[in-house]
Amino acid sequence: MGRALEQSLVRLREFDAAQALSETPVSAQAERGKLVAEAGQALWMLVVQREATGLRDSRHIMRTYNVPGEVQRCMGLAPAPSKRGAT
């Protein structure tokens, strides 16, 4: 779970670094939101795994992985339902 969180945070940071070099188009905002949500889900899975083993304090995770506040705030939120198949 820790590696999954690391990988999702790397993807988010790489995206942010690439966007910092140019104007961020509106379409990129949606992609960034998806990356933040994915990182939030990975964070949630790690926190739940640790809590299941008795490690209740998640502050260590936030510091160790340098988790941005926006990712922390979306931790545990259910993903938006897919619009596939909707008519």
C-alpha atoms as a PDB file:
ATOM      1  CA  MET A   1       0.000   0.000   0.000  1.00  0.00           C
ATOM      2  CA  GLY A   2       2.887   2.337   0.723  1.00  0.00           C
ATOM      3  CA  ARG A   3       4.325   1.846  -2.753  1.00  0.00           C
ATOM      4  CA  ALA A   4       0.942   2.534  -4.327  1.00  0.00           C
ATOM      5  CA  LEU A   5       0.735   5.814  -2.407  1.00  0.00           C
ATOM      6  CA  GLU A   6       4.283   6.742  -3.404  1.00  0.00           C
ATOM      7  CA  GLN A   7       3.556   6.058  -7.069  1.00  0.00           C
ATOM      8  CA  SER A   8       0.340   8.068  -7.093  1.00  0.00           C
ATOM      9  CA  LEU A   9       2.055  11.012  -5.380  1.00  0.00           C
ATOM     10  CA  VAL A  10       4.903  10.851  -7.916  1.00  0.00           C
ATOM     11  CA  ARG A  11       2.383  10.980 -10.795  1.00  0.00           C
ATOM     12  CA  LEU A  12       0.690  14.007  -9.195  1.00  0.00           C
ATOM     13  CA  ARG A  13       3.996  15.806  -8.599  1.00  0.00           C
ATOM     14  CA  GLU A  14       5.211  15.085 -12.128  1.00  0.00           C
ATOM     15  CA  PHE A  15       1.940  16.400 -13.537  1.00  0.00           C
ATOM     16  CA  ASP A  16       2.240  19.567 -11.447  1.00  0.00           C
ATOM     17  CA  ALA A  17       5.863  20.063 -12.529  1.00  0.00           C
ATOM     18  CA  ALA A  18       4.932  19.701 -16.201  1.00  0.00           C
ATOM     19  CA  GLN A  19       2.022  22.127 -15.842  1.00  0.00           C
ATOM     20  CA  ALA A  20       4.172  24.693 -14.024  1.00  0.00           C
ATOM     21  CA  LEU A  21       6.111  25.184 -17.243  1.00  0.00           C
ATOM     22  CA  SER A  22       3.028  26.268 -19.188  1.00  0.00           C
ATOM     23  CA  GLU A  23      -0.463  27.655 -18.785  1.00  0.00           C
ATOM     24  CA  THR A  24      -2.786  25.045 -17.270  1.00  0.00           C
ATOM     25  CA  PRO A  25      -5.679  24.405 -19.666  1.00  0.00           C
ATOM     26  CA  VAL A  26      -9.109  23.626 -18.278  1.00  0.00           C
ATOM     27  CA  SER A  27      -8.846  20.066 -19.606  1.00  0.00           C
ATOM     28  CA  ALA A  28      -5.723  19.549 -17.485  1.00  0.00           C
ATOM     29  CA  GLN A  29      -7.619  20.569 -14.347  1.00  0.00           C
ATOM     30  CA  ALA A  30      -9.876  17.534 -14.717  1.00  0.00           C
ATOM     31  CA  GLU A  31      -6.861  15.264 -15.174  1.00  0.00           C
ATOM     32  CA  ARG A  32      -5.229  16.761 -12.084  1.00  0.00           C
ATOM     33  CA  GLY A  33      -8.412  16.225 -10.087  1.00  0.00           C
ATOM     34  CA  LYS A  34      -8.333  12.577 -11.105  1.00  0.00           C
ATOM     35  CA  LEU A  35      -4.709  12.262  -9.945  1.00  0.00           C
ATOM     36  CA  VAL A  36      -5.542  13.885  -6.595  1.00  0.00           C
ATOM     37  CA  ALA A  37      -8.491  11.496  -6.152  1.00  0.00           C
ATOM     38  CA  GLU A  38      -6.300   8.486  -6.992  1.00  0.00           C
ATOM     39  CA  ALA A  39      -3.705   9.605  -4.450  1.00  0.00           C
ATOM     40  CA  GLY A  40      -6.475  10.099  -1.886  1.00  0.00           C
ATOM     41  CA  GLN A  41      -7.698   6.565  -2.487  1.00  0.00           C
ATOM     42  CA  ALA A  42      -4.160   5.161  -2.148  1.00  0.00           C
ATOM     43  CA  LEU A  43      -3.704   7.145   1.071  1.00  0.00           C
ATOM     44  CA  TRP A  44      -6.993   5.816   2.415  1.00  0.00           C
ATOM     45  CA  MET A  45      -5.995   2.222   1.685  1.00  0.00           C
ATOM     46  CA  LEU A  46      -2.671   2.659   3.510  1.00  0.00           C
ATOM     47  CA  VAL A  47      -4.303   4.316   6.523  1.00  0.00           C
ATOM     48  CA  VAL A  48      -6.918   1.552   6.768  1.00  0.00           C
ATOM     49  CA  GLN A  49      -4.241  -1.141   6.476  1.00  0.00           C
ATOM     50  CA  ARG A  50      -2.194   0.462   9.251  1.00  0.00           C
ATOM     51  CA  GLU A  51      -5.205   0.953  11.485  1.00  0.00           C
ATOM     52  CA  ALA A  52      -6.158  -2.705  11.041  1.00  0.00           C
ATOM     53  CA  THR A  53      -2.767  -3.634  12.505  1.00  0.00           C
ATOM     54  CA  GLY A  54      -3.233  -1.272  15.450  1.00  0.00           C
ATOM     55  CA  LEU A  55      -1.285   1.727  14.143  1.00  0.00           C
ATOM     56  CA  ARG A  56      -3.863   4.445  14.669  1.00  0.00           C
ATOM     57  CA  ASP A  57      -1.783   7.618  14.278  1.00  0.00           C
ATOM     58  CA  SER A  58      -1.630   8.592  10.601  1.00  0.00           C
ATOM     59  CA  ARG A  59       0.470  11.729  11.136  1.00  0.00           C
ATOM     60  CA  HIS A  60       3.593   9.639  10.521  1.00  0.00           C
ATOM     61  CA  ILE A  61       2.298   8.724   7.035  1.00  0.00           C
ATOM     62  CA  MET A  62       1.515  12.335   6.184  1.00  0.00           C
ATOM     63  CA  ARG A  63       5.029  13.464   7.139  1.00  0.00           C
ATOM     64  CA  THR A  64       6.937  10.504   5.693  1.00  0.00           C
ATOM     65  CA  TYR A  65       5.222  10.621   2.302  1.00  0.00           C
ATOM     66  CA  ASN A  66       4.836  14.428   2.334  1.00  0.00           C
ATOM     67  CA  VAL A  67       1.142  14.088   1.486  1.00  0.00           C
ATOM     68  CA  PRO A  68      -0.383  17.368   0.252  1.00  0.00           C
ATOM     69  CA  GLY A  69      -3.340  18.731   2.184  1.00  0.00           C
ATOM     70  CA  GLU A  70      -5.671  18.420  -0.799  1.00  0.00           C
ATOM     71  CA  VAL A  71      -4.901  14.693  -1.002  1.00  0.00           C
ATOM     72  CA  GLN A  72      -5.501  14.314   2.737  1.00  0.00           C
ATOM     73  CA  ARG A  73      -8.863  16.074   2.417  1.00  0.00           C
ATOM     74  CA  CYS A  74     -10.104  13.706  -0.305  1.00  0.00           C
ATOM     75  CA  MET A  75      -8.920  10.567   1.496  1.00  0.00           C
ATOM     76  CA  GLY A  76     -11.714   8.022   1.722  1.00  0.00           C
ATOM     77  CA  LEU A  77     -14.102   9.783  -0.640  1.00  0.00           C
ATOM     78  CA  ALA A  78     -15.906   7.479  -3.019  1.00  0.00           C
ATOM     79  CA  PRO A  79     -15.016   8.087  -6.665  1.00  0.00           C
ATOM     80  CA  ALA A  80     -17.638   9.778  -8.827  1.00  0.00           C
ATOM     81  CA  PRO A  81     -19.856   7.308 -10.641  1.00  0.00           C
ATOM     82  CA  SER A  82     -18.900   6.618 -14.236  1.00  0.00           C
ATOM     83  CA  LYS A  83     -21.075   8.144 -16.934  1.00  0.00           C
ATOM     84  CA  ARG A  84     -20.493   5.147 -19.196  1.00  0.00           C
ATOM     85  CA  GLY A  85     -23.638   3.556 -20.434  1.00  0.00           C
ATOM     86  CA  ALA A  86     -25.739   6.593 -19.526  1.00  0.00           C
ATOM     87  CA  THR A  87     -28.052   7.728 -22.258  1.00  0.00           C
END
